[in-house]
Amino acid sequence: MRESHILAVDQGTSSTKALLVDAAGRIAARAEAPLAQSHPGPGLVEQDASALLDSVRAAVADCLRDSDPRAVAGVALSTQRESVVVWDTATGLPVAPLVSWQDQRGVEHAARLGRAGRSEEIRRRTGLPLDPMFSALKMSALLDAHDPSRVRGGSGAWTLGTVDAYLLHALTGESVTEIGNASRTQLMDLATGDWDTGLLALFGVPRAALSDIVPSTGPFGKIRGLTPLLDGTPVLAVMGDSHAALFAHAGWRRGTVKVTYGTGSSVMAVTDSSRPAEDLCTTVAWSTGPTTYAHEANIRSTGRTITWLAELLGCTPEEVLRLASDADAGGATLVPAFGGVGAPWWDARAVPVLAGFGLGTGRAQLARAALESVAFQVNDVLAVLPGLRHVVADGGLSRCDELMRLQADISDMTVARTPHHELSAMGAAHLAGLGAGLWTAGELERRADSGLRIFAPAWEDARRSDAVARWHQRLGAARDLGARAR
């Protein structure tokens, strides 16, 4: 049988998805396996790394249940970023829980480095602001807790890595990590594309504990023991989930800005330079030989704000969105600074604030304030992105029409929503299929532009400026209160 399909695996925060994509770019089969989180203390967010690997195995088995594995030309992998796993190099078994990208255990360490004047140096080398979201502080904390002398890490007996490195080691036996994921660790020098000796020393992470950095098209090795996939099936592409979504939008075209509305949100656009940008992250989008860079902003709580409120109100997230779509906030503003606020403010000290509420504030008004907080946070990023011409939206929360209308109104720009749901998996599949000769870049551009739903702004300028000013006033209160509390 001709090998004409790509098996795409998207390992995300809340689940692992698997798609079987045919040579025409159609989804021939799909499956999903859920994944839980734990919160063992304030600001701590962990996952079971073994359960994560099991979710990959379950999703792949379910996806290929009625398909011939001989048709799979190769595997494409997209992963959650910044999250860190430490595992025994010989056995592959994790020795501690995965520390999530949402985890804030590095706040005090970051503050110490900031007071020591290291922030600018770190941003200059990595393109990233000093922030506990990135992997370096998590790696340092894991080693402090489990290998304080750095004997195991320093000898290579233990390996530290982002989720892509952990899965590649488990599924192929190779000790490699993809360059886009590596650029999110805050340990890679953007200029060289390799681990930075000075940063490794600064964060206390031994080089021997890290995998080798390779391009987004590998080499990654060949699959072994991923039933029912045939042993020897090559891994053709690996990307961070947000990078893969940008690729699925054919985001190599200048002026295209991708907004992924997920647990948190990523706003990303390619750029011509690896030079750090004020208020934004500069990161490797992907590398296929030449390296493509991107400006990105990370927002910590968007979809998570909706699920948090649903838990608080004892209803479903879908009910929160329905309430929000039919209501006015009545002057209430929610600043969801759970673990601080991300781009463009990068203030880990900010605290959640609910302001402007009264005795007449009910479930519907709270739901509306939560939904508006998503659009306001994204707007703050869009306002500082250079060369913005075309906004494309994806992610679970983008299915909410009212949010898309709100985004267009608050940002005063047209928003185009893709009809496709699994953009991260599809983007990784597109890169893999491009290398395998299944399609061309032109075909991918036409595919990205088909079926978009357009949301145009309708608010008058005065209404927009008043709403944004009120948001910034209450965001300022969240930051001020956080600063006083510390």
Protein backbone atom coordinates (compact mmCIF):
# COMPACT_ATOMS: atom_id res chain seq x y z
CA MET A 1 0.00 0.00 0.00
CA ARG A 2 1.32 3.45 -0.91
CA GLU A 3 2.46 5.45 2.14
CA SER A 4 0.26 8.50 1.62
CA HIS A 5 -0.92 9.55 5.09
CA ILE A 6 0.56 11.57 7.94
CA LEU A 7 -0.22 10.63 11.52
CA ALA A 8 -0.30 13.90 13.47
CA VAL A 9 -0.20 13.85 17.27
CA ASP A 10 -0.98 17.02 19.20
CA GLN A 11 -0.02 16.65 22.85
CA GLY A 12 -1.74 19.53 24.68
CA THR A 13 -2.38 20.66 28.22
CA SER A 14 -5.79 19.02 28.64
CA SER A 15 -5.68 16.19 26.10
CA THR A 16 -3.76 14.43 23.36
CA LYS A 17 -5.28 14.42 19.88
CA ALA A 18 -4.32 12.19 16.98
CA LEU A 19 -5.27 12.82 13.34
CA LEU A 20 -4.71 10.67 10.28
CA VAL A 21 -4.33 13.10 7.37
CA ASP A 22 -4.50 11.91 3.76
CA ALA A 23 -2.61 13.24 0.74
CA ALA A 24 -5.40 15.72 -0.03
CA GLY A 25 -5.16 17.21 3.47
CA ARG A 26 -8.39 15.63 4.63
CA ILE A 27 -8.77 14.07 8.07
CA ALA A 28 -9.32 10.34 7.56
CA ALA A 29 -9.55 9.50 11.27
CA ARG A 30 -9.26 11.26 14.60
CA ALA A 31 -9.11 10.41 18.28
CA GLU A 32 -8.58 12.17 21.60
CA ALA A 33 -7.45 11.09 25.05
CA PRO A 34 -8.01 13.37 28.07
CA LEU A 35 -5.27 14.46 30.44
CA ALA A 36 -5.64 15.78 33.97
CA GLN A 37 -3.78 18.43 35.96
CA SER A 38 -3.06 18.67 39.66
CA HIS A 39 -2.53 21.73 41.85
CA PRO A 40 -0.49 20.56 44.86
CA GLY A 41 -0.06 24.05 46.25
CA PRO A 42 -0.59 27.75 45.51
CA GLY A 43 0.80 28.57 42.08
CA LEU A 44 1.82 24.95 41.43
CA VAL A 45 0.52 23.11 38.37
CA GLU A 46 1.65 19.57 37.60
CA GLN A 47 0.77 16.62 35.40
CA ASP A 48 1.60 12.92 35.54
CA ALA A 49 4.27 12.45 32.86
CA SER A 50 3.58 8.72 32.56
CA ALA A 51 -0.13 9.44 32.08
CA LEU A 52 0.82 11.96 29.39
CA LEU A 53 2.73 9.28 27.48
CA ASP A 54 -0.16 6.86 27.99
CA SER A 55 -2.53 9.44 26.49
CA VAL A 56 -0.37 9.56 23.35
CA ARG A 57 -0.46 5.78 23.06
CA ALA A 58 -4.23 5.70 23.60
CA ALA A 59 -4.96 8.45 21.08
CA VAL A 60 -2.77 6.83 18.40
CA ALA A 61 -4.28 3.37 18.96
CA ASP A 62 -7.82 4.75 18.75
CA CYS A 63 -7.04 6.86 15.68
CA LEU A 64 -5.58 3.91 13.74
CA ARG A 65 -8.11 1.35 14.97
CA ASP A 66 -9.85 1.07 11.58
CA SER A 67 -6.93 2.10 9.36
CA ASP A 68 -4.01 0.27 7.79
CA PRO A 69 -0.80 1.47 9.51
CA ARG A 70 1.13 0.68 6.31
CA ALA A 71 -0.44 3.79 4.79
CA VAL A 72 1.37 6.08 7.27
CA ALA A 73 4.36 7.77 5.62
CA GLY A 74 5.45 9.41 8.84
CA VAL A 75 4.55 10.99 12.16
CA ALA A 76 4.16 14.69 12.94
CA LEU A 77 4.21 15.89 16.53
CA SER A 78 3.01 19.14 18.09
CA THR A 79 3.38 19.67 21.82
CA GLN A 80 2.59 21.95 24.71
CA ARG A 81 5.62 24.14 25.33
CA GLU A 82 7.68 25.28 28.33
CA SER A 83 6.41 22.40 30.48
CA VAL A 84 9.29 20.32 31.86
CA VAL A 85 9.82 16.63 32.50
CA VAL A 86 12.81 15.00 34.23
CA TRP A 87 13.35 11.32 33.49
CA ASP A 88 15.86 8.55 34.05
CA THR A 89 17.93 8.45 30.87
CA ALA A 90 18.45 4.67 30.96
CA THR A 91 14.88 3.60 31.72
CA GLY A 92 12.93 6.53 30.30
CA LEU A 93 10.81 6.65 33.45
CA PRO A 94 9.94 10.09 34.86
CA VAL A 95 11.38 10.77 38.31
CA ALA A 96 9.05 13.64 39.19
CA PRO A 97 5.72 15.07 38.01
CA LEU A 98 5.71 17.21 34.89
CA VAL A 99 5.88 20.90 35.82
CA SER A 100 3.34 22.73 33.65
CA TRP A 101 3.97 25.88 31.65
CA GLN A 102 1.34 27.46 33.91
CA ASP A 103 3.34 26.69 37.06
CA GLN A 104 4.64 29.67 39.05
CA ARG A 105 7.21 28.06 41.36
CA GLY A 106 9.98 30.13 39.78
CA VAL A 107 8.59 33.54 40.79
CA GLU A 108 11.02 34.22 43.61
CA HIS A 109 14.01 32.94 41.65
CA ALA A 110 13.05 35.24 38.78
CA ALA A 111 12.77 38.15 41.20
CA ARG A 112 16.27 37.46 42.54
CA LEU A 113 17.73 37.39 39.05
CA GLY A 114 15.90 40.60 38.24
CA ARG A 115 17.29 42.34 41.32
CA ALA A 116 20.75 41.14 40.31
CA GLY A 117 20.35 42.95 36.99
CA ARG A 118 20.24 39.87 34.76
CA SER A 119 16.89 40.52 33.02
CA GLU A 120 18.24 42.46 30.05
CA GLU A 121 21.05 39.98 29.42
CA ILE A 122 18.55 37.09 29.42
CA ARG A 123 16.20 38.87 27.01
CA ARG A 124 19.08 39.84 24.71
CA ARG A 125 20.32 36.26 24.41
CA THR A 126 17.02 34.39 24.34
CA GLY A 127 14.46 36.87 23.05
CA LEU A 128 12.33 36.11 26.13
CA PRO A 129 11.54 38.20 29.19
CA LEU A 130 12.59 36.85 32.57
CA ASP A 131 9.39 35.08 33.60
CA PRO A 132 8.52 31.85 35.47
CA MET A 133 6.47 30.60 32.51
CA PHE A 134 9.62 29.60 30.64
CA SER A 135 11.38 26.29 31.24
CA ALA A 136 14.72 27.35 32.73
CA LEU A 137 13.29 28.33 36.12
CA LYS A 138 11.23 25.14 36.26
CA MET A 139 14.29 23.03 35.43
CA SER A 140 16.26 24.78 38.14
CA ALA A 141 13.48 24.17 40.67
CA LEU A 142 13.19 20.48 39.74
CA LEU A 143 16.92 19.96 40.15
CA ASP A 144 16.96 21.88 43.44
CA ALA A 145 14.22 19.57 44.74
CA HIS A 146 15.42 16.22 43.37
CA ASP A 147 19.09 16.60 42.44
CA PRO A 148 20.46 19.55 44.45
CA SER A 149 24.07 18.50 43.95
CA ARG A 150 23.45 18.14 40.18
CA VAL A 151 25.16 14.73 40.28
CA ARG A 152 22.48 12.91 38.27
CA GLY A 153 21.88 15.78 35.87
CA GLY A 154 25.55 16.57 35.50
CA SER A 155 26.41 12.97 34.67
CA GLY A 156 23.58 12.58 32.15
CA ALA A 157 21.93 9.90 34.28
CA TRP A 158 18.83 12.08 34.31
CA THR A 159 17.51 14.05 31.36
CA LEU A 160 15.55 17.29 31.55
CA GLY A 161 13.41 18.37 28.66
CA THR A 162 10.28 19.90 27.28
CA VAL A 163 7.43 17.60 26.28
CA ASP A 164 8.72 17.10 22.74
CA ALA A 165 12.08 15.83 24.04
CA TYR A 166 10.39 13.50 26.53
CA LEU A 167 8.09 11.99 23.89
CA LEU A 168 10.83 11.63 21.30
CA HIS A 169 13.03 9.78 23.78
CA ALA A 170 10.12 7.54 24.80
CA LEU A 171 8.92 6.82 21.25
CA THR A 172 12.20 6.69 19.29
CA GLY A 173 15.01 6.37 21.84
CA GLU A 174 16.68 9.51 20.46
CA SER A 175 17.87 12.31 22.75
CA VAL A 176 16.86 15.35 20.67
CA THR A 177 14.63 18.40 21.04
CA GLU A 178 13.13 20.59 18.31
CA ILE A 179 14.57 24.09 17.95
CA GLY A 180 11.26 25.96 18.34
CA ASN A 181 10.56 24.19 21.62
CA ALA A 182 14.17 24.71 22.72
CA SER A 183 13.82 28.44 22.07
CA ARG A 184 11.10 28.52 24.74
CA THR A 185 13.32 27.16 27.50
CA GLN A 186 15.24 30.43 28.03
CA LEU A 187 18.44 28.39 27.78
CA MET A 188 18.99 28.64 24.00
CA ASP A 189 20.84 31.51 22.34
CA LEU A 190 18.67 32.75 19.47
CA ALA A 191 21.71 33.86 17.50
CA THR A 192 23.38 30.43 17.48
CA GLY A 193 20.43 28.05 17.87
CA ASP A 194 22.32 26.14 20.55
CA TRP A 195 22.38 25.88 24.33
CA ASP A 196 24.05 28.93 25.89
CA THR A 197 26.83 28.07 28.33
CA GLY A 198 26.36 31.26 30.34
CA LEU A 199 22.62 30.76 30.71
CA LEU A 200 23.08 27.12 31.74
CA ALA A 201 25.40 28.28 34.49
CA LEU A 202 23.09 31.13 35.50
CA PHE A 203 20.10 28.80 35.94
CA GLY A 204 22.12 25.86 37.27
CA VAL A 205 21.16 23.42 34.51
CA PRO A 206 23.93 21.01 33.38
CA ARG A 207 24.41 20.63 29.63
CA ALA A 208 24.65 16.86 30.10
CA ALA A 209 21.02 16.82 31.25
CA LEU A 210 19.72 18.30 27.99
CA SER A 211 18.99 16.76 24.59
CA ASP A 212 20.59 17.97 21.36
CA ILE A 213 18.78 20.69 19.40
CA VAL A 214 17.69 19.79 15.85
CA PRO A 215 15.59 21.56 13.15
CA SER A 216 11.81 21.20 12.98
CA THR A 217 12.23 18.54 10.30
CA GLY A 218 14.71 16.54 12.36
CA PRO A 219 16.37 14.09 12.29
CA PHE A 220 14.14 12.72 15.06
CA GLY A 221 14.56 8.97 14.67
CA LYS A 222 12.01 6.24 14.01
CA ILE A 223 9.04 5.04 16.02
CA ARG A 224 9.29 1.92 18.13
CA GLY A 225 6.61 0.28 20.23
CA LEU A 226 3.73 2.67 19.36
CA THR A 227 1.05 0.09 18.55
CA PRO A 228 -0.42 -0.33 15.95
CA LEU A 229 2.01 1.95 14.10
CA LEU A 230 4.76 -0.01 12.37
CA ASP A 231 8.17 0.10 14.01
CA GLY A 232 10.52 2.10 11.82
CA THR A 233 7.93 4.72 10.82
CA PRO A 234 9.89 8.01 10.73
CA VAL A 235 9.06 11.11 12.75
CA LEU A 236 9.08 13.75 10.01
CA ALA A 237 8.22 16.97 11.86
CA VAL A 238 8.00 18.34 15.39
CA MET A 239 6.68 21.78 16.40
CA GLY A 240 5.46 23.62 19.46
CA ASP A 241 1.67 23.76 19.41
CA SER A 242 1.40 27.52 18.82
CA HIS A 243 4.07 27.37 16.12
CA ALA A 244 2.21 24.55 14.40
CA ALA A 245 -1.05 26.53 14.46
CA LEU A 246 0.72 29.46 12.81
CA PHE A 247 2.08 27.11 10.15
CA ALA A 248 -1.43 25.76 9.51
CA HIS A 249 -2.56 29.33 8.81
CA ALA A 250 0.25 29.57 6.23
CA GLY A 251 1.63 32.14 8.65
CA TRP A 252 4.91 32.51 6.78
CA ARG A 253 3.10 35.27 4.86
CA ARG A 254 4.09 38.63 6.35
CA GLY A 255 1.38 40.55 8.18
CA THR A 256 -0.58 37.45 9.20
CA VAL A 257 -1.13 37.38 12.96
CA LYS A 258 -2.41 34.18 14.55
CA VAL A 259 -4.43 34.21 17.76
CA THR A 260 -4.95 30.83 19.41
CA TYR A 261 -7.66 30.96 22.07
CA GLY A 262 -6.89 28.03 24.35
CA THR A 263 -6.32 27.50 28.06
CA GLY A 264 -4.09 30.52 27.70
CA SER A 265 -3.67 32.35 24.42
CA SER A 266 -0.82 32.78 21.99
CA VAL A 267 -0.58 35.70 19.58
CA MET A 268 2.14 35.09 17.01
CA ALA A 269 3.47 36.52 13.73
CA VAL A 270 6.64 35.82 11.77
CA THR A 271 9.37 38.44 11.75
CA ASP A 272 12.49 39.03 9.66
CA SER A 273 14.89 39.24 12.57
CA SER A 274 15.96 37.43 15.72
CA ARG A 275 16.39 40.78 17.51
CA PRO A 276 14.45 40.94 20.79
CA ALA A 277 11.26 43.01 20.71
CA GLU A 278 10.11 45.22 23.54
CA ASP A 279 7.08 43.75 25.39
CA LEU A 280 6.99 40.67 23.13
CA CYS A 281 8.81 37.36 22.93
CA THR A 282 11.09 36.71 19.99
CA THR A 283 11.18 33.00 19.31
CA VAL A 284 11.99 30.42 16.65
CA ALA A 285 8.79 29.68 14.77
CA TRP A 286 10.27 26.72 12.89
CA SER A 287 13.43 25.71 11.10
CA THR A 288 13.59 23.70 7.89
CA GLY A 289 17.24 24.55 7.25
CA PRO A 290 16.82 28.32 7.24
CA THR A 291 15.32 29.50 10.53
CA THR A 292 12.02 31.42 10.65
CA TYR A 293 11.60 33.70 13.66
CA ALA A 294 8.40 35.03 15.18
CA HIS A 295 7.19 37.64 17.60
CA GLU A 296 4.84 36.14 20.15
CA ALA A 297 2.80 37.22 23.11
CA ASN A 298 1.62 34.74 25.71
CA ILE A 299 -1.52 35.36 27.76
CA ARG A 300 -1.82 33.12 30.79
CA SER A 301 -5.56 32.81 31.37
CA THR A 302 -8.23 33.01 28.67
CA GLY A 303 -10.05 29.69 28.28
CA ARG A 304 -8.96 28.87 31.83
CA THR A 305 -10.87 31.95 33.01
CA ILE A 306 -14.05 30.50 31.53
CA THR A 307 -13.54 27.07 33.10
CA TRP A 308 -12.64 28.66 36.45
CA LEU A 309 -15.89 30.63 36.45
CA ALA A 310 -17.85 27.56 35.41
CA GLU A 311 -16.40 25.67 38.38
CA LEU A 312 -17.23 28.59 40.68
CA LEU A 313 -20.82 28.83 39.44
CA GLY A 314 -21.37 25.08 39.32
CA CYS A 315 -22.15 24.97 35.61
CA THR A 316 -20.41 24.07 32.35
CA PRO A 317 -18.09 26.32 30.32
CA GLU A 318 -20.66 26.18 27.53
CA GLU A 319 -23.26 27.63 29.90
CA VAL A 320 -20.87 30.44 30.85
CA LEU A 321 -20.42 31.31 27.17
CA ARG A 322 -24.19 31.21 26.59
CA LEU A 323 -24.78 33.53 29.54
CA ALA A 324 -22.03 35.87 28.32
CA SER A 325 -23.44 36.04 24.81
CA ASP A 326 -26.84 37.25 26.03
CA ALA A 327 -25.74 39.73 28.71
CA ASP A 328 -24.08 43.04 29.43
CA ALA A 329 -21.34 43.17 32.06
CA GLY A 330 -23.16 46.00 33.81
CA GLY A 331 -19.89 47.83 34.46
CA ALA A 332 -18.13 44.79 35.96
CA THR A 333 -14.56 44.01 34.91
CA LEU A 334 -12.66 40.82 35.64
CA VAL A 335 -8.86 40.90 35.45
CA PRO A 336 -7.90 37.18 35.50
CA ALA A 337 -4.35 37.59 36.81
CA PHE A 338 -4.12 34.01 38.03
CA GLY A 339 -0.36 33.75 38.47
CA GLY A 340 0.15 37.31 37.25
CA VAL A 341 -0.35 38.73 33.77
CA GLY A 342 1.62 37.85 30.65
CA ALA A 343 2.36 39.89 27.55
CA PRO A 344 2.71 42.75 27.02
CA TRP A 345 2.96 43.54 30.75
CA TRP A 346 4.92 40.52 32.06
CA ASP A 347 3.97 41.21 35.66
CA ALA A 348 4.09 38.04 37.75
CA ARG A 349 3.03 40.01 40.85
CA ALA A 350 -0.38 41.09 39.53
CA VAL A 351 -3.38 39.60 41.33
CA PRO A 352 -6.91 38.79 40.12
CA VAL A 353 -9.36 41.68 40.42
CA LEU A 354 -13.14 41.90 40.04
CA ALA A 355 -14.19 45.55 39.92
CA GLY A 356 -17.31 47.56 39.13
CA PHE A 357 -19.75 45.01 40.51
CA GLY A 358 -22.72 45.63 42.76
CA LEU A 359 -25.86 44.05 44.20
CA GLY A 360 -27.27 43.78 40.70
CA THR A 361 -24.30 41.77 39.44
CA GLY A 362 -25.30 38.18 38.76
CA ARG A 363 -24.11 35.10 36.94
CA ALA A 364 -24.68 36.58 33.51
CA GLN A 365 -22.73 39.76 34.27
CA LEU A 366 -19.81 37.76 35.64
CA ALA A 367 -19.84 35.54 32.57
CA ARG A 368 -19.79 38.58 30.32
CA ALA A 369 -16.91 40.15 32.26
CA ALA A 370 -14.96 36.90 31.94
CA LEU A 371 -15.51 36.76 28.19
CA GLU A 372 -14.57 40.41 27.76
CA SER A 373 -11.34 39.82 29.69
CA VAL A 374 -10.22 37.48 26.90
CA ALA A 375 -10.74 40.07 24.17
CA PHE A 376 -9.15 42.87 26.22
CA GLN A 377 -6.01 40.83 26.91
CA VAL A 378 -5.61 39.91 23.25
CA ASN A 379 -6.21 43.51 22.23
CA ASP A 380 -3.36 44.70 24.48
CA VAL A 381 -1.04 42.49 22.44
CA LEU A 382 -2.42 43.37 19.02
CA ALA A 383 -1.86 47.03 19.88
CA VAL A 384 1.92 46.53 20.11
CA LEU A 385 2.47 44.08 17.22
CA PRO A 386 4.21 45.70 14.22
CA GLY A 387 3.03 45.23 10.64
CA LEU A 388 -0.39 43.84 11.56
CA ARG A 389 -2.60 43.30 8.50
CA HIS A 390 -4.58 40.10 8.90
CA VAL A 391 -5.80 38.47 12.13
CA VAL A 392 -6.69 34.76 12.02
CA ALA A 393 -8.23 32.98 15.00
CA ASP A 394 -8.25 29.37 16.12
CA GLY A 395 -8.54 27.34 19.31
CA GLY A 396 -11.51 26.06 21.25
CA LEU A 397 -12.69 29.42 22.54
CA SER A 398 -12.68 30.90 19.00
CA ARG A 399 -15.83 28.80 18.37
CA CYS A 400 -17.70 31.41 20.41
CA ASP A 401 -19.17 33.86 17.87
CA GLU A 402 -19.71 36.50 20.52
CA LEU A 403 -16.04 36.47 21.47
CA MET A 404 -15.02 36.90 17.84
CA ARG A 405 -17.40 39.86 17.49
CA LEU A 406 -16.04 41.33 20.73
CA GLN A 407 -12.46 40.95 19.50
CA ALA A 408 -13.25 42.73 16.25
CA ASP A 409 -15.09 45.52 18.07
CA ILE A 410 -12.52 46.08 20.83
CA SER A 411 -9.52 45.86 18.49
CA ASP A 412 -11.15 47.73 15.58
CA MET A 413 -10.00 45.18 13.03
CA THR A 414 -11.37 42.31 11.02
CA VAL A 415 -10.94 38.85 12.54
CA ALA A 416 -11.00 35.73 10.36
CA ARG A 417 -11.85 32.45 12.05
CA THR A 418 -10.71 29.16 10.57
CA PRO A 419 -13.31 26.39 10.19
CA HIS A 420 -10.72 23.84 11.28
CA HIS A 421 -10.58 22.70 14.90
CA GLU A 422 -7.25 20.88 15.18
CA LEU A 423 -4.86 23.55 13.92
CA SER A 424 -1.81 22.48 15.91
CA ALA A 425 -2.03 18.89 14.72
CA MET A 426 -2.73 20.02 11.15
CA GLY A 427 0.18 22.46 11.13
CA ALA A 428 2.62 19.76 12.17
CA ALA A 429 1.07 17.46 9.54
CA HIS A 430 1.46 20.16 6.89
CA LEU A 431 5.16 20.55 7.65
CA ALA A 432 5.68 16.78 7.58
CA GLY A 433 3.75 16.36 4.34
CA LEU A 434 5.59 19.26 2.75
CA GLY A 435 8.88 17.48 3.38
CA ALA A 436 7.44 14.16 2.19
CA GLY A 437 6.25 15.72 -1.07
CA LEU A 438 2.54 15.20 -0.39
CA TRP A 439 1.70 18.87 -1.09
CA THR A 440 3.25 22.24 -1.92
CA ALA A 441 3.42 25.54 -0.04
CA GLY A 442 0.97 27.05 -2.53
CA GLU A 443 -1.54 24.28 -1.83
CA LEU A 444 -1.17 24.92 1.91
CA GLU A 445 -1.84 28.65 1.42
CA ARG A 446 -5.03 27.93 -0.53
CA ARG A 447 -6.08 25.43 2.12
CA ALA A 448 -5.52 27.99 4.89
CA ASP A 449 -7.64 30.63 3.13
CA SER A 450 -10.65 28.41 2.45
CA GLY A 451 -13.80 28.58 4.55
CA LEU A 452 -12.78 31.49 6.79
CA ARG A 453 -15.58 33.28 8.63
CA ILE A 454 -15.07 37.02 8.82
CA PHE A 455 -16.05 39.19 11.81
CA ALA A 456 -15.94 42.94 11.16
CA PRO A 457 -15.91 45.69 13.83
CA ALA A 458 -19.15 47.55 14.54
CA TRP A 459 -18.45 49.72 17.61
CA GLU A 460 -18.05 53.47 17.39
CA ASP A 461 -14.65 54.91 18.37
CA ALA A 462 -15.94 56.51 21.59
CA ARG A 463 -17.39 53.26 22.89
CA ARG A 464 -14.19 51.41 22.07
CA SER A 465 -11.87 53.93 23.69
CA ASP A 466 -14.02 54.11 26.85
CA ALA A 467 -14.06 50.33 27.20
CA VAL A 468 -10.30 49.98 26.71
CA ALA A 469 -9.58 52.84 29.15
CA ARG A 470 -11.76 51.19 31.82
CA TRP A 471 -9.96 47.87 31.28
CA HIS A 472 -6.54 49.51 31.62
CA GLN A 473 -7.61 51.29 34.80
CA ARG A 474 -8.64 48.01 36.41
CA LEU A 475 -5.64 46.14 35.06
CA GLY A 476 -3.54 48.83 36.71
CA ALA A 477 -5.33 48.15 39.99
CA ALA A 478 -4.50 44.43 39.70
CA ARG A 479 -0.83 45.26 39.22
CA ASP A 480 -0.74 47.85 42.01
CA LEU A 481 -2.40 45.51 44.50
CA GLY A 482 0.03 42.77 43.61
CA ALA A 483 3.01 45.05 44.09
CA ARG A 484 1.77 46.12 47.53
CA ALA A 485 1.10 42.55 48.60
CA ARG A 486 4.70 41.57 47.91
